């Protein structure tokens, strides 16, 4: 199945502009997903928004975004007001700042997307921008509106394309000193360090996607497959139980035919 673009717009660097499309670089569509069912009816359970005080269901048209400024005190914002906040970065990734590739730590990275040309006419401009960043081993820093929020993004050349990483906001990354301050460096156990180093060397492998397999996912699939097989066996057993009825009918007809044949033919009609 073809993946639909998550975002379409323009990539801009100075006077060079080209149409591009962005698609998620990762997926969880292969994960086992469950629906909540009514055990009694086997029907799916659906959820609805209800008023937290009255308990009444809230119609979609009555749903509105609210910013809490105090207890039971909210500032309501309509969809039109939220849409009016949209910035130029809604449609354009304008690269104005560059940084060394290794200067941004992994902790700032949030979600990756593949960026590629969206029009054959723009492929040359895209290749020029991508190639220049790759040659200088630089990443581009820009801003992009995703989900009504303007996010800082980092553009990294990869292969023939570009990976766009959304970056976390400054207040989303906690200060590591708050958690590591009380940790002391190894002193008494220093003699164990060489042993650990040997263990690390012995178990070092080149990176491969199989290193991060999901054993829980595999076990769930095994359980599901097992239940499917049991369900098929039950279905076949029920079908086998249902077969004797038509078989009996056929046997009776055969018995009648044999009976008529033994009496010398079909029964004669009575004369009136």
C-alpha atoms as a PDB file:
ATOM      1  CA  UNK A   1       0.000   0.000   0.000  1.00  0.00           C
ATOM      2  CA  UNK A   2       1.339   3.435  -0.982  1.00  0.00           C
ATOM      3  CA  UNK A   3       2.011   5.795   1.911  1.00  0.00           C
ATOM      4  CA  UNK A   4       0.163   9.087   1.645  1.00  0.00           C
ATOM      5  CA  UNK A   5       2.209  12.246   2.253  1.00  0.00           C
ATOM      6  CA  UNK A   6       1.871  13.576   5.783  1.00  0.00           C
ATOM      7  CA  UNK A   7       2.651  17.132   4.678  1.00  0.00           C
ATOM      8  CA  UNK A   8       3.155  18.977   1.405  1.00  0.00           C
ATOM      9  CA  UNK A   9       4.786  22.355   0.957  1.00  0.00           C
ATOM     10  CA  UNK A  10       8.037  23.990  -0.074  1.00  0.00           C
ATOM     11  CA  UNK A  11      11.680  23.736   0.895  1.00  0.00           C
ATOM     12  CA  UNK A  12      13.416  27.100   0.703  1.00  0.00           C
ATOM     13  CA  UNK A  13      17.064  28.103   0.969  1.00  0.00           C
ATOM     14  CA  UNK A  14      17.756  31.749   0.121  1.00  0.00           C
ATOM     15  CA  UNK A  15      16.356  32.182  -3.413  1.00  0.00           C
ATOM     16  CA  UNK A  16      16.168  28.438  -4.135  1.00  0.00           C
ATOM     17  CA  UNK A  17      12.711  26.917  -3.628  1.00  0.00           C
ATOM     18  CA  UNK A  18      11.262  23.541  -4.546  1.00  0.00           C
ATOM     19  CA  UNK A  19       8.017  21.647  -3.821  1.00  0.00           C
ATOM     20  CA  UNK A  20       8.475  18.816  -1.340  1.00  0.00           C
ATOM     21  CA  UNK A  21       6.491  16.189   0.536  1.00  0.00           C
ATOM     22  CA  UNK A  22       7.078  14.765   3.984  1.00  0.00           C
ATOM     23  CA  UNK A  23       6.206  11.288   5.191  1.00  0.00           C
ATOM     24  CA  UNK A  24       6.728   9.606   8.579  1.00  0.00           C
ATOM     25  CA  UNK A  25      10.001   7.695   8.644  1.00  0.00           C
ATOM     26  CA  UNK A  26       8.668   5.220  11.208  1.00  0.00           C
ATOM     27  CA  UNK A  27       5.443   3.268  11.547  1.00  0.00           C
ATOM     28  CA  UNK A  28       3.575   1.243  14.138  1.00  0.00           C
ATOM     29  CA  UNK A  29       0.931  -0.068  11.736  1.00  0.00           C
ATOM     30  CA  UNK A  30       2.353  -3.594  12.039  1.00  0.00           C
ATOM     31  CA  UNK A  31       1.775  -3.650  15.782  1.00  0.00           C
ATOM     32  CA  UNK A  32      -0.973  -5.837  17.200  1.00  0.00           C
ATOM     33  CA  UNK A  33      -3.980  -3.641  17.911  1.00  0.00           C
ATOM     34  CA  UNK A  34      -7.041  -4.534  19.935  1.00  0.00           C
ATOM     35  CA  UNK A  35     -10.628  -3.315  19.916  1.00  0.00           C
ATOM     36  CA  UNK A  36     -12.681  -3.210  23.089  1.00  0.00           C
ATOM     37  CA  UNK A  37     -15.703  -5.505  22.738  1.00  0.00           C
ATOM     38  CA  UNK A  38     -18.882  -6.164  24.669  1.00  0.00           C
ATOM     39  CA  UNK A  39     -18.312  -9.687  25.931  1.00  0.00           C
ATOM     40  CA  UNK A  40     -22.050 -10.387  25.906  1.00  0.00           C
ATOM     41  CA  UNK A  41     -22.804  -9.277  22.331  1.00  0.00           C
ATOM     42  CA  UNK A  42     -19.351  -9.457  20.709  1.00  0.00           C
ATOM     43  CA  UNK A  43     -19.967  -5.929  19.384  1.00  0.00           C
ATOM     44  CA  UNK A  44     -17.351  -3.170  19.460  1.00  0.00           C
ATOM     45  CA  UNK A  45     -17.553  -0.588  22.227  1.00  0.00           C
ATOM     46  CA  UNK A  46     -17.406   3.053  21.119  1.00  0.00           C
ATOM     47  CA  UNK A  47     -16.469   6.038  23.260  1.00  0.00           C
ATOM     48  CA  UNK A  48     -18.212   9.403  23.467  1.00  0.00           C
ATOM     49  CA  UNK A  49     -17.442  12.713  25.130  1.00  0.00           C
ATOM     50  CA  UNK A  50     -19.722  13.393  28.087  1.00  0.00           C
ATOM     51  CA  UNK A  51     -20.177  16.420  30.288  1.00  0.00           C
ATOM     52  CA  UNK A  52     -18.138  15.820  33.459  1.00  0.00           C
ATOM     53  CA  UNK A  53     -20.904  17.312  35.633  1.00  0.00           C
ATOM     54  CA  UNK A  54     -24.225  16.458  33.983  1.00  0.00           C
ATOM     55  CA  UNK A  55     -23.082  13.175  32.440  1.00  0.00           C
ATOM     56  CA  UNK A  56     -24.867  14.086  29.191  1.00  0.00           C
ATOM     57  CA  UNK A  57     -23.254  13.216  25.878  1.00  0.00           C
ATOM     58  CA  UNK A  58     -21.719  16.257  24.155  1.00  0.00           C
ATOM     59  CA  UNK A  59     -22.459  16.775  20.453  1.00  0.00           C
ATOM     60  CA  UNK A  60     -19.458  17.300  18.193  1.00  0.00           C
ATOM     61  CA  UNK A  61     -20.575  20.841  17.327  1.00  0.00           C
ATOM     62  CA  UNK A  62     -20.553  21.733  21.040  1.00  0.00           C
ATOM     63  CA  UNK A  63     -16.957  20.609  21.597  1.00  0.00           C
ATOM     64  CA  UNK A  64     -14.530  23.528  21.960  1.00  0.00           C
ATOM     65  CA  UNK A  65     -10.900  23.928  23.006  1.00  0.00           C
ATOM     66  CA  UNK A  66     -10.379  25.532  26.422  1.00  0.00           C
ATOM     67  CA  UNK A  67      -7.324  26.890  28.231  1.00  0.00           C
ATOM     68  CA  UNK A  68      -7.601  26.538  32.008  1.00  0.00           C
ATOM     69  CA  UNK A  69      -6.661  29.690  33.893  1.00  0.00           C
ATOM     70  CA  UNK A  70      -8.160  28.758  37.234  1.00  0.00           C
ATOM     71  CA  UNK A  71     -10.405  26.253  38.963  1.00  0.00           C
ATOM     72  CA  UNK A  72     -13.463  25.754  36.718  1.00  0.00           C
ATOM     73  CA  UNK A  73     -12.340  28.825  34.780  1.00  0.00           C
ATOM     74  CA  UNK A  74     -11.439  28.410  31.109  1.00  0.00           C
ATOM     75  CA  UNK A  75     -10.703  30.636  28.129  1.00  0.00           C
ATOM     76  CA  UNK A  76     -12.446  29.100  25.113  1.00  0.00           C
ATOM     77  CA  UNK A  77     -10.882  29.267  21.654  1.00  0.00           C
ATOM     78  CA  UNK A  78     -12.833  28.595  18.468  1.00  0.00           C
ATOM     79  CA  UNK A  79     -11.382  26.645  15.517  1.00  0.00           C
ATOM     80  CA  UNK A  80     -11.289  29.819  13.424  1.00  0.00           C
ATOM     81  CA  UNK A  81      -9.176  31.559  16.059  1.00  0.00           C
ATOM     82  CA  UNK A  82      -6.741  28.663  16.181  1.00  0.00           C
ATOM     83  CA  UNK A  83      -6.446  28.579  12.392  1.00  0.00           C
ATOM     84  CA  UNK A  84      -5.686  32.308  12.300  1.00  0.00           C
ATOM     85  CA  UNK A  85      -2.568  31.660  14.368  1.00  0.00           C
ATOM     86  CA  UNK A  86      -1.077  29.739  11.421  1.00  0.00           C
ATOM     87  CA  UNK A  87       2.313  31.093  10.388  1.00  0.00           C
ATOM     88  CA  UNK A  88       4.247  31.092   7.133  1.00  0.00           C
ATOM     89  CA  UNK A  89       5.936  27.889   8.322  1.00  0.00           C
ATOM     90  CA  UNK A  90       2.619  26.129   7.732  1.00  0.00           C
ATOM     91  CA  UNK A  91       3.578  25.661   4.084  1.00  0.00           C
ATOM     92  CA  UNK A  92       7.308  26.436   3.869  1.00  0.00           C
ATOM     93  CA  UNK A  93      10.448  25.021   5.457  1.00  0.00           C
ATOM     94  CA  UNK A  94      12.748  28.021   5.192  1.00  0.00           C
ATOM     95  CA  UNK A  95      16.329  27.102   6.191  1.00  0.00           C
ATOM     96  CA  UNK A  96      18.039  30.144   7.672  1.00  0.00           C
ATOM     97  CA  UNK A  97      20.438  28.604  10.210  1.00  0.00           C
ATOM     98  CA  UNK A  98      22.969  25.768   9.925  1.00  0.00           C
ATOM     99  CA  UNK A  99      24.812  23.830  12.609  1.00  0.00           C
ATOM    100  CA  UNK A 100      27.492  21.112  12.708  1.00  0.00           C
ATOM    101  CA  UNK A 101      25.872  17.708  12.392  1.00  0.00           C
ATOM    102  CA  UNK A 102      27.189  16.406  15.713  1.00  0.00           C
ATOM    103  CA  UNK A 103      26.313  19.518  17.719  1.00  0.00           C
ATOM    104  CA  UNK A 104      22.676  18.559  18.424  1.00  0.00           C
ATOM    105  CA  UNK A 105      22.357  15.819  21.023  1.00  0.00           C
ATOM    106  CA  UNK A 106      19.943  12.941  20.502  1.00  0.00           C
ATOM    107  CA  UNK A 107      17.820  13.959  23.493  1.00  0.00           C
ATOM    108  CA  UNK A 108      16.442  16.901  21.496  1.00  0.00           C
ATOM    109  CA  UNK A 109      15.229  14.673  18.656  1.00  0.00           C
ATOM    110  CA  UNK A 110      11.539  13.793  18.685  1.00  0.00           C
ATOM    111  CA  UNK A 111      10.063  12.285  15.484  1.00  0.00           C
ATOM    112  CA  UNK A 112      11.677  11.619  12.064  1.00  0.00           C
ATOM    113  CA  UNK A 113      10.161  12.257   8.628  1.00  0.00           C
ATOM    114  CA  UNK A 114      11.431  11.618   5.108  1.00  0.00           C
ATOM    115  CA  UNK A 115      11.536  14.721   2.919  1.00  0.00           C
ATOM    116  CA  UNK A 116      11.633  14.286  -0.852  1.00  0.00           C
ATOM    117  CA  UNK A 117      10.805  16.290  -4.004  1.00  0.00           C
ATOM    118  CA  UNK A 118       7.113  16.461  -4.837  1.00  0.00           C
ATOM    119  CA  UNK A 119       7.561  17.480  -8.469  1.00  0.00           C
ATOM    120  CA  UNK A 120      10.089  16.418 -11.126  1.00  0.00           C
ATOM    121  CA  UNK A 121      10.701  20.098 -11.886  1.00  0.00           C
ATOM    122  CA  UNK A 122      11.957  20.661  -8.335  1.00  0.00           C
ATOM    123  CA  UNK A 123      14.341  17.695  -8.169  1.00  0.00           C
ATOM    124  CA  UNK A 124      17.371  19.708  -9.303  1.00  0.00           C
ATOM    125  CA  UNK A 125      16.823  22.422  -6.678  1.00  0.00           C
ATOM    126  CA  UNK A 126      16.269  19.760  -4.014  1.00  0.00           C
ATOM    127  CA  UNK A 127      19.490  17.980  -5.014  1.00  0.00           C
ATOM    128  CA  UNK A 128      21.441  21.249  -4.821  1.00  0.00           C
ATOM    129  CA  UNK A 129      20.237  21.994  -1.268  1.00  0.00           C
ATOM    130  CA  UNK A 130      20.723  18.392  -0.115  1.00  0.00           C
ATOM    131  CA  UNK A 131      24.158  18.078  -1.707  1.00  0.00           C
ATOM    132  CA  UNK A 132      25.462  21.335  -0.247  1.00  0.00           C
ATOM    133  CA  UNK A 133      24.494  20.342   3.303  1.00  0.00           C
ATOM    134  CA  UNK A 134      26.001  16.869   2.853  1.00  0.00           C
ATOM    135  CA  UNK A 135      29.276  18.272   1.503  1.00  0.00           C
ATOM    136  CA  UNK A 136      29.635  20.603   4.492  1.00  0.00           C
ATOM    137  CA  UNK A 137      28.437  17.931   6.960  1.00  0.00           C
ATOM    138  CA  UNK A 138      25.895  20.433   8.245  1.00  0.00           C
ATOM    139  CA  UNK A 139      22.272  20.222   9.300  1.00  0.00           C
ATOM    140  CA  UNK A 140      19.681  22.886   8.637  1.00  0.00           C
ATOM    141  CA  UNK A 141      17.522  24.377  11.384  1.00  0.00           C
ATOM    142  CA  UNK A 142      14.084  25.699  10.516  1.00  0.00           C
ATOM    143  CA  UNK A 143      10.514  25.856  11.781  1.00  0.00           C
ATOM    144  CA  UNK A 144       7.393  24.050  10.639  1.00  0.00           C
ATOM    145  CA  UNK A 145       3.760  24.040  11.766  1.00  0.00           C
ATOM    146  CA  UNK A 146       2.657  20.496  12.592  1.00  0.00           C
ATOM    147  CA  UNK A 147      -0.652  19.827  14.276  1.00  0.00           C
ATOM    148  CA  UNK A 148      -1.307  23.567  14.746  1.00  0.00           C
ATOM    149  CA  UNK A 149       1.963  23.997  16.666  1.00  0.00           C
ATOM    150  CA  UNK A 150       5.075  25.533  15.228  1.00  0.00           C
ATOM    151  CA  UNK A 151       7.956  23.169  15.829  1.00  0.00           C
ATOM    152  CA  UNK A 152      11.679  23.635  15.429  1.00  0.00           C
ATOM    153  CA  UNK A 153      12.965  21.056  12.946  1.00  0.00           C
ATOM    154  CA  UNK A 154      16.386  19.771  11.940  1.00  0.00           C
ATOM    155  CA  UNK A 155      17.107  18.707   8.355  1.00  0.00           C
ATOM    156  CA  UNK A 156      19.783  16.024   7.903  1.00  0.00           C
ATOM    157  CA  UNK A 157      20.954  14.786   4.477  1.00  0.00           C
ATOM    158  CA  UNK A 158      20.527  10.996   4.209  1.00  0.00           C
ATOM    159  CA  UNK A 159      21.189   9.032   1.054  1.00  0.00           C
ATOM    160  CA  UNK A 160      19.629  10.992  -1.793  1.00  0.00           C
ATOM    161  CA  UNK A 161      17.032  12.623   0.444  1.00  0.00           C
ATOM    162  CA  UNK A 162      16.635  14.530   3.686  1.00  0.00           C
ATOM    163  CA  UNK A 163      15.403  13.424   7.096  1.00  0.00           C
ATOM    164  CA  UNK A 164      13.418  16.042   8.988  1.00  0.00           C
ATOM    165  CA  UNK A 165      13.557  15.618  12.764  1.00  0.00           C
ATOM    166  CA  UNK A 166      11.101  17.564  14.879  1.00  0.00           C
ATOM    167  CA  UNK A 167      12.932  18.969  17.896  1.00  0.00           C
ATOM    168  CA  UNK A 168      11.658  19.130  21.424  1.00  0.00           C
ATOM    169  CA  UNK A 169      10.946  22.511  22.980  1.00  0.00           C
ATOM    170  CA  UNK A 170      13.434  23.859  25.486  1.00  0.00           C
ATOM    171  CA  UNK A 171      11.068  23.280  28.414  1.00  0.00           C
ATOM    172  CA  UNK A 172      10.544  19.641  27.410  1.00  0.00           C
ATOM    173  CA  UNK A 173      14.124  18.522  28.061  1.00  0.00           C
ATOM    174  CA  UNK A 174      14.851  18.145  31.767  1.00  0.00           C
ATOM    175  CA  UNK A 175      18.184  19.084  33.287  1.00  0.00           C
ATOM    176  CA  UNK A 176      20.193  15.891  33.698  1.00  0.00           C
ATOM    177  CA  UNK A 177      21.978  17.243  36.801  1.00  0.00           C
ATOM    178  CA  UNK A 178      18.726  16.905  38.753  1.00  0.00           C
ATOM    179  CA  UNK A 179      18.921  13.117  38.323  1.00  0.00           C
ATOM    180  CA  UNK A 180      22.661  12.398  38.077  1.00  0.00           C
ATOM    181  CA  UNK A 181      23.947  14.696  40.831  1.00  0.00           C
ATOM    182  CA  UNK A 182      24.037  12.003  43.530  1.00  0.00           C
ATOM    183  CA  UNK A 183      25.874   9.398  41.456  1.00  0.00           C
ATOM    184  CA  UNK A 184      29.507   8.832  42.436  1.00  0.00           C
ATOM    185  CA  UNK A 185      32.137   7.515  40.045  1.00  0.00           C
ATOM    186  CA  UNK A 186      33.313   3.935  40.585  1.00  0.00           C
ATOM    187  CA  UNK A 187      36.102   3.752  43.143  1.00  0.00           C
ATOM    188  CA  UNK A 188      36.156   0.544  45.156  1.00  0.00           C
ATOM    189  CA  UNK A 189      34.929  -1.486  42.196  1.00  0.00           C
ATOM    190  CA  UNK A 190      37.517  -0.140  39.788  1.00  0.00           C
ATOM    191  CA  UNK A 191      39.087  -3.604  39.457  1.00  0.00           C
ATOM    192  CA  UNK A 192      35.855  -4.849  37.864  1.00  0.00           C
ATOM    193  CA  UNK A 193      35.997  -2.312  35.043  1.00  0.00           C
ATOM    194  CA  UNK A 194      38.444  -4.349  32.868  1.00  0.00           C
ATOM    195  CA  UNK A 195      36.167  -7.391  33.180  1.00  0.00           C
ATOM    196  CA  UNK A 196      33.166  -5.378  32.064  1.00  0.00           C
ATOM    197  CA  UNK A 197      35.211  -4.010  29.154  1.00  0.00           C
ATOM    198  CA  UNK A 198      36.046  -7.562  28.066  1.00  0.00           C
ATOM    199  CA  UNK A 199      32.381  -8.483  28.246  1.00  0.00           C
ATOM    200  CA  UNK A 200      31.473  -5.436  26.124  1.00  0.00           C
ATOM    201  CA  UNK A 201      34.042  -6.324  23.443  1.00  0.00           C
ATOM    202  CA  UNK A 202      32.889  -9.952  23.361  1.00  0.00           C
ATOM    203  CA  UNK A 203      29.255  -8.950  22.833  1.00  0.00           C
ATOM    204  CA  UNK A 204      29.804  -6.071  20.400  1.00  0.00           C
ATOM    205  CA  UNK A 205      27.927  -6.390  17.091  1.00  0.00           C
ATOM    206  CA  UNK A 206      27.311  -4.163  14.110  1.00  0.00           C
ATOM    207  CA  UNK A 207      23.961  -2.423  14.304  1.00  0.00           C
ATOM    208  CA  UNK A 208      21.046  -4.242  12.740  1.00  0.00           C
ATOM    209  CA  UNK A 209      17.298  -3.746  13.016  1.00  0.00           C
ATOM    210  CA  UNK A 210      16.928  -7.258  14.427  1.00  0.00           C
ATOM    211  CA  UNK A 211      18.666  -6.062  17.607  1.00  0.00           C
ATOM    212  CA  UNK A 212      15.459  -4.277  18.597  1.00  0.00           C
ATOM    213  CA  UNK A 213      12.890  -6.975  17.904  1.00  0.00           C
ATOM    214  CA  UNK A 214       9.662  -7.019  19.917  1.00  0.00           C
ATOM    215  CA  UNK A 215       9.279 -10.349  21.772  1.00  0.00           C
ATOM    216  CA  UNK A 216       5.968  -9.249  23.313  1.00  0.00           C
ATOM    217  CA  UNK A 217       4.599  -8.641  19.815  1.00  0.00           C
ATOM    218  CA  UNK A 218       5.716 -12.118  18.724  1.00  0.00           C
ATOM    219  CA  UNK A 219       4.066 -13.758  21.735  1.00  0.00           C
ATOM    220  CA  UNK A 220       0.812 -11.895  21.092  1.00  0.00           C
ATOM    221  CA  UNK A 221       0.819 -13.083  17.478  1.00  0.00           C
ATOM    222  CA  UNK A 222       1.405 -16.666  18.680  1.00  0.00           C
ATOM    223  CA  UNK A 223      -1.577 -16.423  21.040  1.00  0.00           C
ATOM    224  CA  UNK A 224      -3.785 -14.961  18.294  1.00  0.00           C
ATOM    225  CA  UNK A 225      -2.711 -17.637  15.816  1.00  0.00           C
ATOM    226  CA  UNK A 226      -3.410 -20.365  18.366  1.00  0.00           C
ATOM    227  CA  UNK A 227      -6.908 -19.003  19.020  1.00  0.00           C
ATOM    228  CA  UNK A 228      -7.547 -18.830  15.263  1.00  0.00           C
ATOM    229  CA  UNK A 229      -6.663 -22.500  14.873  1.00  0.00           C
ATOM    230  CA  UNK A 230      -8.959 -23.465  17.750  1.00  0.00           C
ATOM    231  CA  UNK A 231     -11.761 -21.397  16.211  1.00  0.00           C
ATOM    232  CA  UNK A 232     -11.317 -23.192  12.871  1.00  0.00           C
ATOM    233  CA  UNK A 233     -11.382 -26.590  14.555  1.00  0.00           C
ATOM    234  CA  UNK A 234     -14.601 -25.693  16.366  1.00  0.00           C
ATOM    235  CA  UNK A 235     -16.142 -24.469  13.098  1.00  0.00           C
ATOM    236  CA  UNK A 236     -15.198 -27.697  11.307  1.00  0.00           C
ATOM    237  CA  UNK A 237     -16.558 -29.755  14.182  1.00  0.00           C
ATOM    238  CA  UNK A 238     -19.897 -27.918  14.024  1.00  0.00           C
ATOM    239  CA  UNK A 239     -20.035 -28.401  10.275  1.00  0.00           C
ATOM    240  CA  UNK A 240     -19.407 -32.136  10.735  1.00  0.00           C
ATOM    241  CA  UNK A 241     -22.188 -32.351  13.294  1.00  0.00           C
ATOM    242  CA  UNK A 242     -24.571 -30.667  10.890  1.00  0.00           C
ATOM    243  CA  UNK A 243     -23.845 -33.113   8.054  1.00  0.00           C
ATOM    244  CA  UNK A 244     -25.841 -36.147   9.333  1.00  0.00           C
ATOM    245  CA  UNK A 245     -29.170 -34.379   8.748  1.00  0.00           C
ATOM    246  CA  UNK A 246     -28.951 -34.146   4.945  1.00  0.00           C
ATOM    247  CA  UNK A 247     -27.208 -37.542   4.919  1.00  0.00           C
ATOM    248  CA  UNK A 248     -30.205 -39.114   6.677  1.00  0.00           C
ATOM    249  CA  UNK A 249     -32.567 -37.633   4.115  1.00  0.00           C
ATOM    250  CA  UNK A 250     -30.539 -39.091   1.263  1.00  0.00           C
ATOM    251  CA  UNK A 251     -30.477 -42.475   3.023  1.00  0.00           C
ATOM    252  CA  UNK A 252     -34.262 -42.487   3.371  1.00  0.00           C
ATOM    253  CA  UNK A 253     -34.716 -41.677  -0.336  1.00  0.00           C
ATOM    254  CA  UNK A 254     -32.304 -44.451  -1.251  1.00  0.00           C
ATOM    255  CA  UNK A 255     -34.209 -46.841   0.992  1.00  0.00           C
ATOM    256  CA  UNK A 256     -37.505 -45.941  -0.701  1.00  0.00           C
ATOM    257  CA  UNK A 257     -36.028 -46.417  -4.156  1.00  0.00           C
ATOM    258  CA  UNK A 258     -34.595 -49.765  -3.190  1.00  0.00           C
ATOM    259  CA  UNK A 259     -37.942 -50.736  -1.664  1.00  0.00           C
ATOM    260  CA  UNK A 260     -39.832 -49.818  -4.833  1.00  0.00           C
ATOM    261  CA  UNK A 261     -37.330 -51.637  -6.991  1.00  0.00           C
ATOM    262  CA  UNK A 262     -37.673 -54.807  -4.918  1.00  0.00           C
ATOM    263  CA  UNK A 263     -41.468 -54.679  -5.407  1.00  0.00           C
ATOM    264  CA  UNK A 264     -41.112 -54.633  -9.137  1.00  0.00           C
ATOM    265  CA  UNK A 265     -41.338 -50.997 -10.041  1.00  0.00           C
ATOM    266  CA  UNK A 266     -43.174 -47.838  -9.084  1.00  0.00           C
ATOM    267  CA  UNK A 267     -46.455 -48.078  -7.196  1.00  0.00           C
ATOM    268  CA  UNK A 268     -49.615 -48.366  -9.307  1.00  0.00           C
ATOM    269  CA  UNK A 269     -52.300 -45.765  -9.140  1.00  0.00           C
ATOM    270  CA  UNK A 270     -55.682 -46.805  -7.852  1.00  0.00           C
ATOM    271  CA  UNK A 271     -58.452 -46.845 -10.386  1.00  0.00           C
ATOM    272  CA  UNK A 272     -61.388 -44.777  -9.458  1.00  0.00           C
END
